Structure formats: C-alpha cells, structure tokens
C-alpha cells in the first residue's frame, strides 16, 4: 500500500510564468488521490522556518493565469548547510509530511537531490525556469511565455530601429544557455543572434553587418544572450560596433526581468498541469529523486543527477536556420 498521505510543494530560485499553474496542478492531483497538500512559503527557507499552509482544490482557484509564484521564492544559504537541512527535515516530520515536490531550476534540483539522499526522503522536481537549460526535458515551465514576451518587445523596438535607421542590441536572459536568444531572434527576424554556445567573434559580426548594410538594410536588430562574451558586455560591444561602423547609430536595450513576469502562455499552463500531475503520480508509484519532464510530447521521469549534470546542447539546425534567415 502507498504510505504517502501528505505532500508539500514549494517553489525555489528565480520565478517563472507557470509556477502557479504547477502548484495548482500538484494540489489538485493530490486532492484527486485523496492526499493532503501543503504549500511552503519562500522555498527551502520556508522549510527551515516552518512556513507551511494547507492547500486544497478550491484554495488554488484563479491561479493558473497568474505569473510569479504565490508561494514566493527565496534562495536559502542556511539550507546549504547540514544543520539547516536537518531543521527542514525535522519540520517536515513535525507536520507529518511524507513527500516533497520542488519547482525550480538546477539549483533547486541540486538542493533536492542532496536533501532527499541525506534523509532518504521522497522528493520529486518540476522544471520551472525561463532559460530552458535543464537536461532531460524538451521544455521548462516559463520558457514559452518568456519567448513570447521577448518577441513582442523586439517587434516594438524594430519600429524605432526602422524609423531612425538604427542598430539595436537587445540583451535577453540566458547566462549559460542561448535558447531564448536563438528562438526569439529567429521569431523576431533578428539580423544576428549571439549566444554563449557559439563564439561568433567580433570580426565576423562586423562583416555580417557590413553585408547587411551593403544589401540595402538600413536598420538591424542583434539579439544578445546575457552570457555571450563576444564583447565582454553589451555596452562594450555596442561601443565597438559604433567605432567600426560609423554609418549606424547603435542603441542598447536590456530586457531584464520583464522576461520573467506576466501571465503564462497556454503552452506553459498545459505543460505545468501535465508535470504537476506527473509529479504526484510518480510519488504514488514510490518514485523519488527524479525530475518530471517532457520529451517528444511524452511526460518522462529523469533522475536528478542527469537533469543537473547532463549537457543540454543547443539545436545546431536552428543555428543554421538563423544564419539563412539573416541573409
């Protein structure tokens, strides 16, 4: 017989659109299986502070469309120490919690793996990060919404670029992964896309912009992932281009945290709902120390070790598409 009667759910790390939909899914899947479900405020720090609140199918109404996370999120230095994790474990026991669902990225899963193995406690993860940089899943919750936010912003920037014959550098999130830059750049018709996975080099960039200018383009958009190091930072890159291509007026826009906000897209709402159900199903099956992801449209179970340490490669075919589209 399944011994799990009470599940706790938390969100950790950077917020992403669709986290509330994932919480909602975990709560309602728990109710479907006649399990109790508790939310934990402020991530792992909430475990240490004993910040639990009981949730039910009705208490999560009208949350599927809300961005951010109503359970709030925080990075906990205290949880990084054994003493902090022991306090979190004791609070779970005191509240008669049998299993934990964590929603977040690789840092969240790293903490979950250590905690689960240390105390032999059932933990399942749901990938929630706009960077889409988690191995073992095709998409993470919030990524699709972020893409749509970026494309909408670039469309508006292009109006000004075209009106004034300007070259805009648009920085998007992606410290270690270029998925947002690559896909939004193609979707918004960017002339060039700079990502951490590909070192384009300044001379090649200049040559490309010169070809674009000679072909009749009077304005350009370059999408730059924040982790790209071609110019050390986007401001220095803009200065370099301005010095070498004086015919352009170069401007910089950093989209920043608007990419993490807003109402989640339909895709992210459906994805969050599927993964939340998958997380509760996995716990009911006695599974633990895994992430629930989606691979080729199918919900899959991925060991934390693979999700955290596996290498998720950029789509080389998309890079080729981007090169062809920039002609």
Protein backbone atom coordinates (compact mmCIF):
# COMPACT_ATOMS: atom_id res chain seq x y z
CA UNK A 1 0.00 0.00 0.00
CA UNK A 2 1.13 3.53 -0.71
CA UNK A 3 2.25 5.21 2.51
CA UNK A 4 2.15 8.78 1.19
CA UNK A 5 -0.76 10.71 2.67
CA UNK A 6 0.55 14.27 2.82
CA UNK A 7 2.59 16.16 0.19
CA UNK A 8 4.33 19.53 0.46
CA UNK A 9 5.09 21.72 -2.56
CA UNK A 10 7.47 24.68 -2.87
CA UNK A 11 8.95 26.99 -5.48
CA UNK A 12 12.61 27.94 -5.39
CA UNK A 13 15.12 30.01 -7.34
CA UNK A 14 14.06 32.53 -9.98
CA UNK A 15 10.33 32.80 -10.60
CA UNK A 16 8.89 31.85 -13.98
CA UNK A 17 5.43 32.17 -15.54
CA UNK A 18 3.50 28.97 -14.95
CA UNK A 19 4.81 28.20 -11.48
CA UNK A 20 1.37 28.94 -10.03
CA UNK A 21 -0.18 26.61 -12.58
CA UNK A 22 2.25 23.90 -11.48
CA UNK A 23 1.40 24.44 -7.79
CA UNK A 24 -2.29 24.27 -8.70
CA UNK A 25 -1.74 21.02 -10.56
CA UNK A 26 0.11 19.40 -7.65
CA UNK A 27 -2.63 20.46 -5.23
CA UNK A 28 -5.49 19.21 -7.40
CA UNK A 29 -3.72 15.98 -8.32
CA UNK A 30 -3.23 15.40 -4.59
CA UNK A 31 -6.93 16.02 -3.99
CA UNK A 32 -7.77 13.59 -6.80
CA UNK A 33 -5.79 10.89 -4.99
CA UNK A 34 -7.31 11.86 -1.60
CA UNK A 35 -3.98 13.19 -0.34
CA UNK A 36 -3.44 16.30 1.75
CA UNK A 37 -1.25 19.01 0.26
CA UNK A 38 0.66 21.80 1.97
CA UNK A 39 2.39 24.78 0.38
CA UNK A 40 5.72 26.03 1.70
CA UNK A 41 6.34 29.76 1.64
CA UNK A 42 9.73 31.08 0.38
CA UNK A 43 11.20 27.82 -0.88
CA UNK A 44 13.77 25.92 1.16
CA UNK A 45 13.96 28.77 3.65
CA UNK A 46 10.29 28.16 4.37
CA UNK A 47 11.07 24.55 5.25
CA UNK A 48 13.57 25.81 7.81
CA UNK A 49 11.20 28.50 9.11
CA UNK A 50 8.28 26.05 9.31
CA UNK A 51 6.18 28.20 6.94
CA UNK A 52 3.52 25.72 5.87
CA UNK A 53 -0.03 26.41 4.69
CA UNK A 54 -2.65 23.81 3.88
CA UNK A 55 -3.95 23.97 0.32
CA UNK A 56 -6.95 22.36 -1.33
CA UNK A 57 -8.60 22.30 -4.74
CA UNK A 58 -10.55 25.48 -4.02
CA UNK A 59 -7.68 27.48 -2.50
CA UNK A 60 -5.78 27.40 -5.79
CA UNK A 61 -8.64 28.71 -7.93
CA UNK A 62 -7.82 31.61 -10.26
CA UNK A 63 -4.09 30.92 -10.05
CA UNK A 64 -3.49 29.22 -13.41
CA UNK A 65 -3.39 32.61 -15.16
CA UNK A 66 -1.15 34.40 -12.66
CA UNK A 67 2.55 34.96 -13.21
CA UNK A 68 5.17 34.62 -10.48
CA UNK A 69 4.52 32.29 -7.55
CA UNK A 70 2.02 32.91 -4.76
CA UNK A 71 4.13 30.68 -2.51
CA UNK A 72 7.00 33.11 -3.12
CA UNK A 73 10.59 32.13 -3.74
CA UNK A 74 13.91 32.68 -1.99
CA UNK A 75 17.48 31.49 -2.11
CA UNK A 76 18.44 29.92 1.21
CA UNK A 77 22.08 29.94 2.31
CA UNK A 78 21.01 28.20 5.51
CA UNK A 79 19.71 25.21 3.51
CA UNK A 80 23.21 24.76 2.05
CA UNK A 81 24.45 23.68 5.50
CA UNK A 82 23.70 20.31 7.05
CA UNK A 83 22.27 21.97 10.16
CA UNK A 84 19.77 23.93 8.06
CA UNK A 85 18.70 20.87 6.14
CA UNK A 86 18.29 18.91 9.37
CA UNK A 87 15.98 21.63 10.70
CA UNK A 88 13.97 21.49 7.46
CA UNK A 89 13.68 17.71 7.79
CA UNK A 90 12.50 17.93 11.40
CA UNK A 91 9.80 20.44 10.37
CA UNK A 92 8.59 18.09 7.63
CA UNK A 93 8.34 15.29 10.19
CA UNK A 94 6.59 17.55 12.71
CA UNK A 95 3.98 18.44 10.09
CA UNK A 96 3.61 14.76 9.11
CA UNK A 97 4.71 15.47 5.54
CA UNK A 98 5.51 12.27 3.63
CA UNK A 99 6.91 13.69 0.35
CA UNK A 100 8.07 16.91 -1.24
CA UNK A 101 7.57 18.42 -4.71
CA UNK A 102 10.01 21.19 -5.66
CA UNK A 103 9.51 23.55 -8.61
CA UNK A 104 12.59 25.35 -9.92
CA UNK A 105 15.83 25.01 -11.85
CA UNK A 106 19.18 23.28 -11.47
CA UNK A 107 20.00 24.94 -8.14
CA UNK A 108 16.65 23.82 -6.77
CA UNK A 109 17.22 20.27 -8.00
CA UNK A 110 20.73 20.20 -6.55
CA UNK A 111 19.31 21.01 -3.12
CA UNK A 112 16.52 18.46 -3.60
CA UNK A 113 18.94 15.70 -4.56
CA UNK A 114 21.20 16.32 -1.57
CA UNK A 115 18.27 16.60 0.84
CA UNK A 116 16.48 13.51 -0.49
CA UNK A 117 19.57 11.33 -0.33
CA UNK A 118 20.68 12.68 3.03
CA UNK A 119 17.43 11.88 4.82
CA UNK A 120 16.04 9.21 2.49
CA UNK A 121 13.05 11.49 1.93
CA UNK A 122 10.86 11.26 -1.19
CA UNK A 123 11.44 14.31 -3.41
CA UNK A 124 10.29 14.95 -6.99
CA UNK A 125 11.17 18.01 -9.07
CA UNK A 126 9.28 20.02 -11.69
CA UNK A 127 11.43 22.18 -14.01
CA UNK A 128 10.42 25.84 -13.74
CA UNK A 129 12.86 28.29 -15.35
CA UNK A 130 12.63 30.58 -18.36
CA UNK A 131 16.16 29.62 -19.51
CA UNK A 132 15.10 26.12 -20.66
CA UNK A 133 18.52 24.90 -19.53
CA UNK A 134 17.54 21.71 -17.69
CA UNK A 135 18.75 18.46 -19.21
CA UNK A 136 16.25 15.65 -19.81
CA UNK A 137 13.25 17.79 -20.73
CA UNK A 138 12.47 19.46 -24.03
CA UNK A 139 10.86 22.45 -22.33
CA UNK A 140 10.75 24.03 -18.88
CA UNK A 141 7.82 25.91 -17.40
CA UNK A 142 8.01 29.62 -18.25
CA UNK A 143 10.22 29.31 -21.32
CA UNK A 144 7.43 29.67 -23.88
CA UNK A 145 5.98 32.72 -22.13
CA UNK A 146 9.40 34.35 -21.96
CA UNK A 147 9.89 33.79 -25.68
CA UNK A 148 6.60 35.50 -26.47
CA UNK A 149 7.48 38.41 -24.18
CA UNK A 150 10.85 38.87 -25.89
CA UNK A 151 9.44 38.68 -29.41
CA UNK A 152 6.74 41.23 -28.57
CA UNK A 153 9.38 43.59 -27.15
CA UNK A 154 11.68 43.21 -30.15
CA UNK A 155 8.78 43.85 -32.54
CA UNK A 156 8.27 47.21 -30.82
CA UNK A 157 11.98 48.02 -30.81
CA UNK A 158 12.14 47.30 -34.54
CA UNK A 159 9.59 50.06 -35.17
CA UNK A 160 12.04 52.60 -33.74
CA UNK A 161 15.06 50.97 -35.40
CA UNK A 162 13.38 51.21 -38.82
CA UNK A 163 12.15 54.76 -38.26
CA UNK A 164 15.61 56.10 -37.37
CA UNK A 165 17.97 53.76 -39.28
CA UNK A 166 19.38 52.44 -36.02
CA UNK A 167 21.12 49.27 -34.98
CA UNK A 168 19.73 47.89 -31.73
CA UNK A 169 21.47 45.39 -29.47
CA UNK A 170 18.79 43.65 -27.41
CA UNK A 171 20.04 41.68 -24.40
CA UNK A 172 17.89 38.77 -23.27
CA UNK A 173 18.29 36.36 -20.36
CA UNK A 174 20.49 33.31 -20.78
CA UNK A 175 23.67 33.35 -18.71
CA UNK A 176 24.67 29.82 -19.71
CA UNK A 177 22.11 28.91 -22.36
CA UNK A 178 21.16 30.59 -25.61
CA UNK A 179 17.70 29.07 -26.13
CA UNK A 180 15.80 32.32 -25.52
CA UNK A 181 18.13 34.35 -27.73
CA UNK A 182 18.18 31.83 -30.57
CA UNK A 183 14.46 31.16 -30.75
CA UNK A 184 13.28 34.70 -30.10
CA UNK A 185 15.88 36.02 -32.54
CA UNK A 186 14.53 33.80 -35.31
CA UNK A 187 10.95 34.61 -34.35
CA UNK A 188 11.58 38.36 -34.36
CA UNK A 189 13.66 38.35 -37.53
CA UNK A 190 16.95 39.44 -35.93
CA UNK A 191 19.88 40.05 -38.25
CA UNK A 192 22.32 38.39 -35.84
CA UNK A 193 22.00 36.26 -32.70
CA UNK A 194 24.81 35.97 -30.16
CA UNK A 195 24.71 33.03 -27.74
CA UNK A 196 27.14 31.51 -25.18
CA UNK A 197 27.34 28.23 -27.10
CA UNK A 198 28.72 29.86 -30.29
CA UNK A 199 31.64 32.30 -30.37
CA UNK A 200 30.89 34.39 -33.43
CA UNK A 201 33.85 36.73 -32.98
CA UNK A 202 33.84 40.49 -33.48
CA UNK A 203 35.30 40.47 -36.99
CA UNK A 204 32.70 38.02 -38.29
CA UNK A 205 29.98 40.14 -36.67
CA UNK A 206 31.27 43.27 -38.36
CA UNK A 207 31.50 41.50 -41.72
CA UNK A 208 27.91 40.31 -41.36
CA UNK A 209 26.63 43.78 -40.51
CA UNK A 210 28.56 45.29 -43.43
CA UNK A 211 26.99 42.75 -45.80
CA UNK A 212 23.57 43.60 -44.42
CA UNK A 213 24.23 47.30 -44.95
CA UNK A 214 25.51 46.76 -48.48
CA UNK A 215 22.46 44.65 -49.33
CA UNK A 216 20.18 47.58 -48.54
CA UNK A 217 19.36 47.12 -44.87
CA UNK A 218 19.22 50.48 -43.10
CA UNK A 219 18.44 49.14 -39.63
CA UNK A 220 19.29 45.96 -37.76
CA UNK A 221 18.42 44.04 -34.63
CA UNK A 222 21.04 41.92 -32.84
CA UNK A 223 19.77 39.65 -30.07
CA UNK A 224 22.42 39.00 -27.42
CA UNK A 225 22.17 36.37 -24.69
CA UNK A 226 23.50 37.83 -21.43
CA UNK A 227 26.07 35.03 -21.21
CA UNK A 228 27.62 35.78 -24.60
CA UNK A 229 31.19 37.06 -24.18
CA UNK A 230 31.94 38.40 -27.65
CA UNK A 231 32.16 41.95 -26.29
CA UNK A 232 32.62 41.22 -22.56
CA UNK A 233 29.32 43.06 -22.01
CA UNK A 234 26.66 44.50 -24.26
CA UNK A 235 27.67 48.13 -23.70
CA UNK A 236 31.28 47.49 -24.72
CA UNK A 237 30.06 45.55 -27.73
CA UNK A 238 27.88 48.49 -28.75
CA UNK A 239 30.85 50.87 -28.42
CA UNK A 240 32.99 48.54 -30.56
CA UNK A 241 30.37 48.41 -33.32
CA UNK A 242 29.85 52.18 -33.23
CA UNK A 243 33.57 52.83 -33.68
CA UNK A 244 33.88 50.39 -36.58
CA UNK A 245 30.54 51.02 -38.29
CA UNK A 246 30.01 54.76 -38.02
CA UNK A 247 27.14 54.72 -40.51
CA UNK A 248 24.95 53.06 -37.83
CA UNK A 249 23.55 54.74 -34.75
CA UNK A 250 23.91 51.96 -32.16
CA UNK A 251 21.48 51.63 -29.25
CA UNK A 252 21.23 49.11 -26.40
CA UNK A 253 18.12 47.66 -24.77
CA UNK A 254 18.35 45.24 -21.84
CA UNK A 255 15.01 43.49 -21.41
CA UNK A 256 15.87 42.20 -17.92
CA UNK A 257 13.23 40.87 -15.57
CA UNK A 258 10.21 41.66 -17.75
CA UNK A 259 11.04 38.30 -19.34
CA UNK A 260 10.24 36.50 -16.08
CA UNK A 261 6.88 38.17 -15.48
CA UNK A 262 3.44 38.17 -16.98
CA UNK A 263 0.56 35.76 -17.39
CA UNK A 264 1.76 32.35 -18.62
CA UNK A 265 1.04 31.29 -22.18
CA UNK A 266 -1.42 28.49 -22.92
CA UNK A 267 1.50 26.16 -23.61
CA UNK A 268 3.08 26.85 -20.22
CA UNK A 269 -0.26 26.38 -18.44
CA UNK A 270 -0.78 23.00 -20.09
CA UNK A 271 2.84 21.96 -19.51
CA UNK A 272 2.64 22.92 -15.84
CA UNK A 273 -0.60 20.99 -15.45
CA UNK A 274 0.88 17.87 -17.05
CA UNK A 275 4.08 17.98 -15.00
CA UNK A 276 2.23 18.59 -11.72
CA UNK A 277 0.06 15.53 -12.30
CA UNK A 278 3.17 13.58 -13.31
CA UNK A 279 4.93 14.54 -10.07
CA UNK A 280 2.10 13.30 -7.85
CA UNK A 281 1.70 10.15 -9.96
CA UNK A 282 5.43 9.43 -9.54
CA UNK A 283 5.24 9.78 -5.76
CA UNK A 284 2.21 7.49 -5.68
CA UNK A 285 4.28 4.95 -7.62
CA UNK A 286 7.01 5.13 -4.99
CA UNK A 287 9.42 7.09 -7.21
CA UNK A 288 11.82 9.68 -5.80
CA UNK A 289 14.97 11.69 -6.55
CA UNK A 290 13.65 12.43 -10.04
CA UNK A 291 12.50 15.32 -12.18
CA UNK A 292 9.32 15.17 -14.22
CA UNK A 293 9.91 16.48 -17.73
CA UNK A 294 8.54 16.21 -21.23
CA UNK A 295 10.33 14.51 -24.10
CA UNK A 296 8.82 14.31 -27.57
CA UNK A 297 5.43 15.27 -26.10
CA UNK A 298 5.55 12.46 -23.52
CA UNK A 299 5.88 13.02 -19.76
CA UNK A 300 9.11 11.39 -18.57
CA UNK A 301 10.92 10.74 -15.30
CA UNK A 302 14.56 11.85 -15.20
CA UNK A 303 17.00 11.19 -12.32
CA UNK A 304 18.15 14.41 -10.65
CA UNK A 305 21.75 13.52 -11.45
CA UNK A 306 21.05 13.58 -15.18
CA UNK A 307 18.86 16.68 -15.00
CA UNK A 308 21.54 18.61 -13.12
CA UNK A 309 24.78 17.36 -14.64
CA UNK A 310 23.76 16.30 -18.12
CA UNK A 311 24.68 18.58 -21.01
CA UNK A 312 21.76 20.11 -22.87
CA UNK A 313 23.06 21.10 -26.29
CA UNK A 314 21.82 23.96 -28.42
CA UNK A 315 19.92 22.97 -31.56
CA UNK A 316 22.50 23.17 -34.37
CA UNK A 317 19.77 23.03 -37.00
CA UNK A 318 18.21 26.16 -35.54
CA UNK A 319 21.55 27.93 -35.72
CA UNK A 320 21.65 27.11 -39.44
CA UNK A 321 18.12 28.45 -39.86
CA UNK A 322 19.15 31.66 -38.11
CA UNK A 323 22.14 32.06 -40.45
CA UNK A 324 19.98 31.55 -43.53
CA UNK A 325 17.28 33.95 -42.34
CA UNK A 326 19.80 36.74 -41.70
CA UNK A 327 20.89 36.95 -45.35
